């Protein structure tokens, strides 16, 4: 039986804001999380260890790192995965990550991702939609001017994060930007970060992110291709559907 655990390298601050940036459509969450880490100069605090993950080391500056890691400072924790989450292990890995996050009593859990739209190429500025784990946070999102995604499906890591937090009575929101399904979308990531700053008060300058948009698209092509394969296994295209219940 496969297992998973979070190994802490440094003390983890309690009651921080916890951001999840995981591979999804347009790699919106990964791009956003990567920019948060770089812009705020966050330190690596922990990493995921599991035989459910492929035997991969990510090299940065010649040194090996785990593909799924947690960065942070005293007020903010950010998880990022630099490789797709295997569809057949997503439940194990996400339950492990979320139970660990719950043990740190976060002030707020924020999941950042994309919402595939077929006319993305026609949109100059992607719109960001919000989902929340309770009605109080829905009202907060509305007060901040975020459009609520009232009907639809969520599939994959995003869905598990919101379901887990709702079941455990943990305060959580998801910020989902209109995005390409199978192309890296830094502009969508920038749109979510603007809303994140508006909601949390943590200022994230997205100027460099937008300036490096083409470079990011080129560097992220292979990860996007592998992510798309796993998303297909998770039935991600169901997000285009409408729920049956009225």
C-alpha atoms as a PDB file:
ATOM      1  CA  UNK A   1       0.000   0.000   0.000  1.00  0.00           C
ATOM      2  CA  UNK A   2       1.386   3.384  -1.024  1.00  0.00           C
ATOM      3  CA  UNK A   3       1.872   6.075   1.607  1.00  0.00           C
ATOM      4  CA  UNK A   4       2.648   9.784   1.632  1.00  0.00           C
ATOM      5  CA  UNK A   5       3.969  12.229   4.205  1.00  0.00           C
ATOM      6  CA  UNK A   6       5.066  15.840   4.504  1.00  0.00           C
ATOM      7  CA  UNK A   7       8.627  16.201   5.777  1.00  0.00           C
ATOM      8  CA  UNK A   8       9.282  19.523   7.504  1.00  0.00           C
ATOM      9  CA  UNK A   9      12.757  20.996   7.058  1.00  0.00           C
ATOM     10  CA  UNK A  10      12.107  24.123   9.112  1.00  0.00           C
ATOM     11  CA  UNK A  11       9.466  25.270  11.642  1.00  0.00           C
ATOM     12  CA  UNK A  12       6.077  25.894  10.044  1.00  0.00           C
ATOM     13  CA  UNK A  13       4.255  29.036  11.212  1.00  0.00           C
ATOM     14  CA  UNK A  14       0.724  28.449  12.513  1.00  0.00           C
ATOM     15  CA  UNK A  15      -2.307  30.491  11.468  1.00  0.00           C
ATOM     16  CA  UNK A  16      -0.750  31.625   8.204  1.00  0.00           C
ATOM     17  CA  UNK A  17      -2.539  31.998   4.887  1.00  0.00           C
ATOM     18  CA  UNK A  18      -2.018  28.743   2.965  1.00  0.00           C
ATOM     19  CA  UNK A  19      -1.928  28.930  -0.846  1.00  0.00           C
ATOM     20  CA  UNK A  20      -2.088  25.854  -3.076  1.00  0.00           C
ATOM     21  CA  UNK A  21      -0.676  26.194  -6.590  1.00  0.00           C
ATOM     22  CA  UNK A  22      -0.942  22.789  -8.242  1.00  0.00           C
ATOM     23  CA  UNK A  23      -0.816  21.682 -11.901  1.00  0.00           C
ATOM     24  CA  UNK A  24      -4.155  22.261 -13.566  1.00  0.00           C
ATOM     25  CA  UNK A  25      -5.560  23.768 -16.744  1.00  0.00           C
ATOM     26  CA  UNK A  26      -3.277  26.476 -18.098  1.00  0.00           C
ATOM     27  CA  UNK A  27      -0.872  25.753 -15.218  1.00  0.00           C
ATOM     28  CA  UNK A  28      -2.474  28.811 -13.634  1.00  0.00           C
ATOM     29  CA  UNK A  29      -1.887  27.693 -10.047  1.00  0.00           C
ATOM     30  CA  UNK A  30       1.712  26.620 -10.624  1.00  0.00           C
ATOM     31  CA  UNK A  31       2.621  29.852 -12.404  1.00  0.00           C
ATOM     32  CA  UNK A  32       0.923  31.928  -9.702  1.00  0.00           C
ATOM     33  CA  UNK A  33       2.600  30.011  -6.867  1.00  0.00           C
ATOM     34  CA  UNK A  34       6.001  30.223  -8.541  1.00  0.00           C
ATOM     35  CA  UNK A  35       5.606  33.991  -8.885  1.00  0.00           C
ATOM     36  CA  UNK A  36       4.537  34.373  -5.231  1.00  0.00           C
ATOM     37  CA  UNK A  37       7.611  32.415  -4.103  1.00  0.00           C
ATOM     38  CA  UNK A  38       9.976  34.484  -6.245  1.00  0.00           C
ATOM     39  CA  UNK A  39       8.362  37.871  -5.619  1.00  0.00           C
ATOM     40  CA  UNK A  40       8.212  37.458  -1.816  1.00  0.00           C
ATOM     41  CA  UNK A  41      11.489  35.511  -1.600  1.00  0.00           C
ATOM     42  CA  UNK A  42       9.866  32.665   0.335  1.00  0.00           C
ATOM     43  CA  UNK A  43      11.987  29.912   1.909  1.00  0.00           C
ATOM     44  CA  UNK A  44      11.538  26.170   1.356  1.00  0.00           C
ATOM     45  CA  UNK A  45      10.042  24.732   4.551  1.00  0.00           C
ATOM     46  CA  UNK A  46       8.788  21.228   3.711  1.00  0.00           C
ATOM     47  CA  UNK A  47       8.271  18.691   0.941  1.00  0.00           C
ATOM     48  CA  UNK A  48       6.095  15.750  -0.010  1.00  0.00           C
ATOM     49  CA  UNK A  49       7.631  12.266   0.198  1.00  0.00           C
ATOM     50  CA  UNK A  50       5.679   9.402  -1.357  1.00  0.00           C
ATOM     51  CA  UNK A  51       6.199   6.303  -3.468  1.00  0.00           C
ATOM     52  CA  UNK A  52       3.023   7.423  -5.260  1.00  0.00           C
ATOM     53  CA  UNK A  53       5.119  10.096  -6.959  1.00  0.00           C
ATOM     54  CA  UNK A  54       7.449   9.190  -9.843  1.00  0.00           C
ATOM     55  CA  UNK A  55      11.163   8.894  -8.933  1.00  0.00           C
ATOM     56  CA  UNK A  56      11.962  12.458  -9.972  1.00  0.00           C
ATOM     57  CA  UNK A  57      14.293  15.124  -8.597  1.00  0.00           C
ATOM     58  CA  UNK A  58      13.886  18.728  -9.756  1.00  0.00           C
ATOM     59  CA  UNK A  59      17.223  20.462 -10.261  1.00  0.00           C
ATOM     60  CA  UNK A  60      17.640  24.130  -9.335  1.00  0.00           C
ATOM     61  CA  UNK A  61      21.087  25.726  -9.401  1.00  0.00           C
ATOM     62  CA  UNK A  62      22.572  22.237  -9.676  1.00  0.00           C
ATOM     63  CA  UNK A  63      20.919  20.924  -6.500  1.00  0.00           C
ATOM     64  CA  UNK A  64      18.136  18.292  -6.303  1.00  0.00           C
ATOM     65  CA  UNK A  65      14.710  19.080  -4.834  1.00  0.00           C
ATOM     66  CA  UNK A  66      11.440  17.216  -4.383  1.00  0.00           C
ATOM     67  CA  UNK A  67       8.867  18.127  -7.062  1.00  0.00           C
ATOM     68  CA  UNK A  68       6.140  19.002  -4.511  1.00  0.00           C
ATOM     69  CA  UNK A  69       7.278  21.502  -1.898  1.00  0.00           C
ATOM     70  CA  UNK A  70       6.044  24.049   0.627  1.00  0.00           C
ATOM     71  CA  UNK A  71       7.540  27.539   0.830  1.00  0.00           C
ATOM     72  CA  UNK A  72       6.740  30.279   3.299  1.00  0.00           C
ATOM     73  CA  UNK A  73       7.475  33.012   5.804  1.00  0.00           C
ATOM     74  CA  UNK A  74       5.740  33.991   9.041  1.00  0.00           C
ATOM     75  CA  UNK A  75       2.446  34.951   7.377  1.00  0.00           C
ATOM     76  CA  UNK A  76       2.185  32.918   4.189  1.00  0.00           C
ATOM     77  CA  UNK A  77       2.639  29.290   3.134  1.00  0.00           C
ATOM     78  CA  UNK A  78       2.658  28.311  -0.538  1.00  0.00           C
ATOM     79  CA  UNK A  79       2.588  24.766  -1.910  1.00  0.00           C
ATOM     80  CA  UNK A  80       3.759  24.119  -5.432  1.00  0.00           C
ATOM     81  CA  UNK A  81       4.208  21.010  -7.547  1.00  0.00           C
ATOM     82  CA  UNK A  82       6.598  21.208 -10.476  1.00  0.00           C
ATOM     83  CA  UNK A  83       5.278  17.982 -11.970  1.00  0.00           C
ATOM     84  CA  UNK A  84       1.744  16.737 -12.680  1.00  0.00           C
ATOM     85  CA  UNK A  85      -0.050  14.930  -9.876  1.00  0.00           C
ATOM     86  CA  UNK A  86      -0.676  11.343 -11.047  1.00  0.00           C
ATOM     87  CA  UNK A  87      -4.407  10.760 -11.501  1.00  0.00           C
ATOM     88  CA  UNK A  88      -4.253   7.375  -9.770  1.00  0.00           C
ATOM     89  CA  UNK A  89      -2.630   8.932  -6.678  1.00  0.00           C
ATOM     90  CA  UNK A  90      -4.411  12.275  -6.447  1.00  0.00           C
ATOM     91  CA  UNK A  91      -6.642  11.195  -3.531  1.00  0.00           C
ATOM     92  CA  UNK A  92      -3.713   9.961  -1.418  1.00  0.00           C
ATOM     93  CA  UNK A  93      -1.469  12.920  -2.125  1.00  0.00           C
ATOM     94  CA  UNK A  94      -4.138  15.563  -1.652  1.00  0.00           C
ATOM     95  CA  UNK A  95      -5.533  14.011   1.544  1.00  0.00           C
ATOM     96  CA  UNK A  96      -1.996  13.925   2.957  1.00  0.00           C
ATOM     97  CA  UNK A  97      -1.311  17.527   1.966  1.00  0.00           C
ATOM     98  CA  UNK A  98      -4.654  18.782   3.259  1.00  0.00           C
ATOM     99  CA  UNK A  99      -4.467  16.927   6.587  1.00  0.00           C
ATOM    100  CA  UNK A 100      -0.998  18.376   7.095  1.00  0.00           C
ATOM    101  CA  UNK A 101      -2.298  21.837   6.224  1.00  0.00           C
ATOM    102  CA  UNK A 102      -5.177  21.445   8.668  1.00  0.00           C
ATOM    103  CA  UNK A 103      -2.683  20.627  11.456  1.00  0.00           C
ATOM    104  CA  UNK A 104      -1.141  24.095  10.962  1.00  0.00           C
ATOM    105  CA  UNK A 105      -4.500  25.791  11.615  1.00  0.00           C
ATOM    106  CA  UNK A 106      -4.301  28.165   8.627  1.00  0.00           C
ATOM    107  CA  UNK A 107      -6.110  31.471   8.798  1.00  0.00           C
ATOM    108  CA  UNK A 108      -7.327  30.878   5.246  1.00  0.00           C
ATOM    109  CA  UNK A 109      -6.675  28.289   2.551  1.00  0.00           C
ATOM    110  CA  UNK A 110      -6.537  29.685  -0.978  1.00  0.00           C
ATOM    111  CA  UNK A 111      -6.521  27.420  -4.015  1.00  0.00           C
ATOM    112  CA  UNK A 112      -5.487  29.087  -7.266  1.00  0.00           C
ATOM    113  CA  UNK A 113      -6.292  27.576 -10.641  1.00  0.00           C
ATOM    114  CA  UNK A 114      -7.752  27.946 -14.079  1.00  0.00           C
ATOM    115  CA  UNK A 115     -11.228  27.511 -15.467  1.00  0.00           C
ATOM    116  CA  UNK A 116     -11.137  26.378 -19.106  1.00  0.00           C
ATOM    117  CA  UNK A 117     -13.088  28.520 -21.547  1.00  0.00           C
ATOM    118  CA  UNK A 118     -13.351  27.857 -25.264  1.00  0.00           C
ATOM    119  CA  UNK A 119     -13.048  31.522 -26.299  1.00  0.00           C
ATOM    120  CA  UNK A 120      -9.963  32.286 -24.187  1.00  0.00           C
ATOM    121  CA  UNK A 121      -8.076  33.667 -27.190  1.00  0.00           C
ATOM    122  CA  UNK A 122     -10.727  36.387 -27.535  1.00  0.00           C
ATOM    123  CA  UNK A 123     -10.360  37.616 -23.951  1.00  0.00           C
ATOM    124  CA  UNK A 124      -7.887  40.441 -23.334  1.00  0.00           C
ATOM    125  CA  UNK A 125      -8.287  40.212 -19.557  1.00  0.00           C
ATOM    126  CA  UNK A 126      -9.357  36.852 -18.086  1.00  0.00           C
ATOM    127  CA  UNK A 127     -12.147  37.048 -15.538  1.00  0.00           C
ATOM    128  CA  UNK A 128     -11.637  35.500 -12.108  1.00  0.00           C
ATOM    129  CA  UNK A 129     -14.396  33.519 -10.423  1.00  0.00           C
ATOM    130  CA  UNK A 130     -14.592  32.576  -6.765  1.00  0.00           C
ATOM    131  CA  UNK A 131     -15.742  29.533  -4.827  1.00  0.00           C
ATOM    132  CA  UNK A 132     -15.745  29.177  -1.037  1.00  0.00           C
ATOM    133  CA  UNK A 133     -16.115  26.562   1.675  1.00  0.00           C
ATOM    134  CA  UNK A 134     -18.859  28.502   3.507  1.00  0.00           C
ATOM    135  CA  UNK A 135     -21.394  31.287   3.013  1.00  0.00           C
ATOM    136  CA  UNK A 136     -19.407  33.819   5.068  1.00  0.00           C
ATOM    137  CA  UNK A 137     -16.484  33.565   2.681  1.00  0.00           C
ATOM    138  CA  UNK A 138     -18.807  33.714  -0.325  1.00  0.00           C
ATOM    139  CA  UNK A 139     -20.074  37.040   1.006  1.00  0.00           C
ATOM    140  CA  UNK A 140     -16.468  38.217   1.475  1.00  0.00           C
ATOM    141  CA  UNK A 141     -15.655  37.369  -2.129  1.00  0.00           C
ATOM    142  CA  UNK A 142     -18.719  39.232  -3.342  1.00  0.00           C
ATOM    143  CA  UNK A 143     -17.827  42.256  -1.216  1.00  0.00           C
ATOM    144  CA  UNK A 144     -14.384  42.242  -2.839  1.00  0.00           C
ATOM    145  CA  UNK A 145     -15.972  42.268  -6.289  1.00  0.00           C
ATOM    146  CA  UNK A 146     -15.222  38.643  -7.202  1.00  0.00           C
ATOM    147  CA  UNK A 147     -17.877  36.929  -9.328  1.00  0.00           C
ATOM    148  CA  UNK A 148     -19.144  33.753  -7.665  1.00  0.00           C
ATOM    149  CA  UNK A 149     -19.141  30.553  -9.700  1.00  0.00           C
ATOM    150  CA  UNK A 150     -22.601  29.440  -8.611  1.00  0.00           C
ATOM    151  CA  UNK A 151     -23.132  26.348 -10.770  1.00  0.00           C
ATOM    152  CA  UNK A 152     -20.750  23.910 -12.375  1.00  0.00           C
ATOM    153  CA  UNK A 153     -18.223  21.156 -11.701  1.00  0.00           C
ATOM    154  CA  UNK A 154     -14.762  21.176 -10.192  1.00  0.00           C
ATOM    155  CA  UNK A 155     -12.475  18.269 -11.043  1.00  0.00           C
ATOM    156  CA  UNK A 156      -9.071  17.202  -9.717  1.00  0.00           C
ATOM    157  CA  UNK A 157      -6.968  18.722  -6.920  1.00  0.00           C
ATOM    158  CA  UNK A 158      -9.078  21.897  -6.812  1.00  0.00           C
ATOM    159  CA  UNK A 159     -12.216  19.877  -6.116  1.00  0.00           C
ATOM    160  CA  UNK A 160     -10.575  17.845  -3.365  1.00  0.00           C
ATOM    161  CA  UNK A 161      -9.247  20.962  -1.629  1.00  0.00           C
ATOM    162  CA  UNK A 162     -12.665  22.623  -1.474  1.00  0.00           C
ATOM    163  CA  UNK A 163     -14.483  19.434  -0.476  1.00  0.00           C
ATOM    164  CA  UNK A 164     -11.986  18.642   2.276  1.00  0.00           C
ATOM    165  CA  UNK A 165     -12.072  22.158   3.702  1.00  0.00           C
ATOM    166  CA  UNK A 166     -15.873  22.294   3.630  1.00  0.00           C
ATOM    167  CA  UNK A 167     -16.124  18.913   5.389  1.00  0.00           C
ATOM    168  CA  UNK A 168     -13.569  19.916   8.051  1.00  0.00           C
ATOM    169  CA  UNK A 169     -15.079  23.393   8.533  1.00  0.00           C
ATOM    170  CA  UNK A 170     -11.840  25.034   7.378  1.00  0.00           C
ATOM    171  CA  UNK A 171     -12.031  28.521   5.828  1.00  0.00           C
ATOM    172  CA  UNK A 172     -11.108  28.163   2.164  1.00  0.00           C
ATOM    173  CA  UNK A 173     -11.605  29.861  -1.166  1.00  0.00           C
ATOM    174  CA  UNK A 174     -10.683  29.021  -4.746  1.00  0.00           C
ATOM    175  CA  UNK A 175      -9.772  31.698  -7.288  1.00  0.00           C
ATOM    176  CA  UNK A 176     -10.306  30.402 -10.818  1.00  0.00           C
ATOM    177  CA  UNK A 177      -9.326  32.481 -13.830  1.00  0.00           C
ATOM    178  CA  UNK A 178     -10.663  31.952 -17.318  1.00  0.00           C
ATOM    179  CA  UNK A 179      -7.811  30.143 -19.047  1.00  0.00           C
ATOM    180  CA  UNK A 180      -6.649  28.003 -21.913  1.00  0.00           C
ATOM    181  CA  UNK A 181      -7.164  24.308 -21.282  1.00  0.00           C
ATOM    182  CA  UNK A 182      -3.895  23.033 -22.712  1.00  0.00           C
ATOM    183  CA  UNK A 183      -1.588  26.084 -22.968  1.00  0.00           C
ATOM    184  CA  UNK A 184       0.314  27.737 -20.099  1.00  0.00           C
ATOM    185  CA  UNK A 185      -1.546  30.931 -19.232  1.00  0.00           C
ATOM    186  CA  UNK A 186       0.543  33.474 -17.255  1.00  0.00           C
ATOM    187  CA  UNK A 187      -2.012  36.227 -17.901  1.00  0.00           C
ATOM    188  CA  UNK A 188      -4.667  34.147 -16.138  1.00  0.00           C
ATOM    189  CA  UNK A 189      -2.223  33.564 -13.255  1.00  0.00           C
ATOM    190  CA  UNK A 190      -1.661  37.322 -12.993  1.00  0.00           C
ATOM    191  CA  UNK A 191      -5.422  37.906 -12.865  1.00  0.00           C
ATOM    192  CA  UNK A 192      -5.792  35.516  -9.908  1.00  0.00           C
ATOM    193  CA  UNK A 193      -2.895  37.153  -8.070  1.00  0.00           C
ATOM    194  CA  UNK A 194      -4.502  40.576  -8.394  1.00  0.00           C
ATOM    195  CA  UNK A 195      -7.646  39.206  -6.744  1.00  0.00           C
ATOM    196  CA  UNK A 196      -5.547  37.395  -4.137  1.00  0.00           C
ATOM    197  CA  UNK A 197      -3.894  40.683  -3.179  1.00  0.00           C
ATOM    198  CA  UNK A 198      -7.264  42.425  -3.071  1.00  0.00           C
ATOM    199  CA  UNK A 199      -8.734  39.784  -0.758  1.00  0.00           C
ATOM    200  CA  UNK A 200      -5.812  39.111   1.592  1.00  0.00           C
ATOM    201  CA  UNK A 201      -3.962  42.419   1.629  1.00  0.00           C
ATOM    202  CA  UNK A 202      -0.730  40.625   0.649  1.00  0.00           C
ATOM    203  CA  UNK A 203       0.630  42.659  -2.224  1.00  0.00           C
ATOM    204  CA  UNK A 204       1.971  40.682  -5.172  1.00  0.00           C
ATOM    205  CA  UNK A 205       3.372  42.776  -8.037  1.00  0.00           C
ATOM    206  CA  UNK A 206       2.592  40.958 -11.302  1.00  0.00           C
ATOM    207  CA  UNK A 207       4.586  43.263 -13.589  1.00  0.00           C
ATOM    208  CA  UNK A 208       7.453  40.785 -14.073  1.00  0.00           C
ATOM    209  CA  UNK A 209       5.011  37.920 -14.551  1.00  0.00           C
ATOM    210  CA  UNK A 210       3.298  39.710 -17.421  1.00  0.00           C
ATOM    211  CA  UNK A 211       6.596  40.837 -18.939  1.00  0.00           C
ATOM    212  CA  UNK A 212       7.897  37.252 -18.990  1.00  0.00           C
ATOM    213  CA  UNK A 213       4.670  35.761 -20.338  1.00  0.00           C
ATOM    214  CA  UNK A 214       6.158  34.369 -23.555  1.00  0.00           C
ATOM    215  CA  UNK A 215       9.216  32.973 -21.770  1.00  0.00           C
ATOM    216  CA  UNK A 216       6.976  31.212 -19.239  1.00  0.00           C
ATOM    217  CA  UNK A 217       4.828  29.734 -22.010  1.00  0.00           C
ATOM    218  CA  UNK A 218       7.899  28.255 -23.698  1.00  0.00           C
ATOM    219  CA  UNK A 219       9.446  26.870 -20.513  1.00  0.00           C
ATOM    220  CA  UNK A 220       6.191  25.324 -19.305  1.00  0.00           C
ATOM    221  CA  UNK A 221       5.169  23.546 -22.522  1.00  0.00           C
ATOM    222  CA  UNK A 222       6.381  20.093 -21.518  1.00  0.00           C
ATOM    223  CA  UNK A 223       4.875  20.274 -18.020  1.00  0.00           C
ATOM    224  CA  UNK A 224       1.602  21.413 -19.558  1.00  0.00           C
ATOM    225  CA  UNK A 225       1.618  18.458 -21.954  1.00  0.00           C
ATOM    226  CA  UNK A 226       2.144  15.942 -19.133  1.00  0.00           C
ATOM    227  CA  UNK A 227      -0.411  17.724 -16.953  1.00  0.00           C
ATOM    228  CA  UNK A 228      -2.997  17.553 -19.714  1.00  0.00           C
ATOM    229  CA  UNK A 229      -2.551  13.771 -19.887  1.00  0.00           C
ATOM    230  CA  UNK A 230      -3.277  13.418 -16.163  1.00  0.00           C
ATOM    231  CA  UNK A 231      -6.205  15.861 -16.315  1.00  0.00           C
ATOM    232  CA  UNK A 232      -7.775  13.779 -19.076  1.00  0.00           C
ATOM    233  CA  UNK A 233      -7.619  10.743 -16.790  1.00  0.00           C
ATOM    234  CA  UNK A 234      -9.363  12.820 -14.079  1.00  0.00           C
ATOM    235  CA  UNK A 235     -12.206  13.699 -16.510  1.00  0.00           C
ATOM    236  CA  UNK A 236     -11.267  17.378 -16.309  1.00  0.00           C
ATOM    237  CA  UNK A 237     -13.284  18.198 -19.415  1.00  0.00           C
ATOM    238  CA  UNK A 238     -16.419  17.684 -17.292  1.00  0.00           C
ATOM    239  CA  UNK A 239     -15.913  21.270 -16.103  1.00  0.00           C
ATOM    240  CA  UNK A 240     -17.516  22.326 -19.361  1.00  0.00           C
ATOM    241  CA  UNK A 241     -20.699  20.540 -18.269  1.00  0.00           C
ATOM    242  CA  UNK A 242     -23.614  21.915 -16.254  1.00  0.00           C
ATOM    243  CA  UNK A 243     -24.827  20.103 -13.140  1.00  0.00           C
ATOM    244  CA  UNK A 244     -28.028  18.132 -13.423  1.00  0.00           C
ATOM    245  CA  UNK A 245     -29.584  19.299 -10.150  1.00  0.00           C
ATOM    246  CA  UNK A 246     -31.824  22.400 -10.377  1.00  0.00           C
END
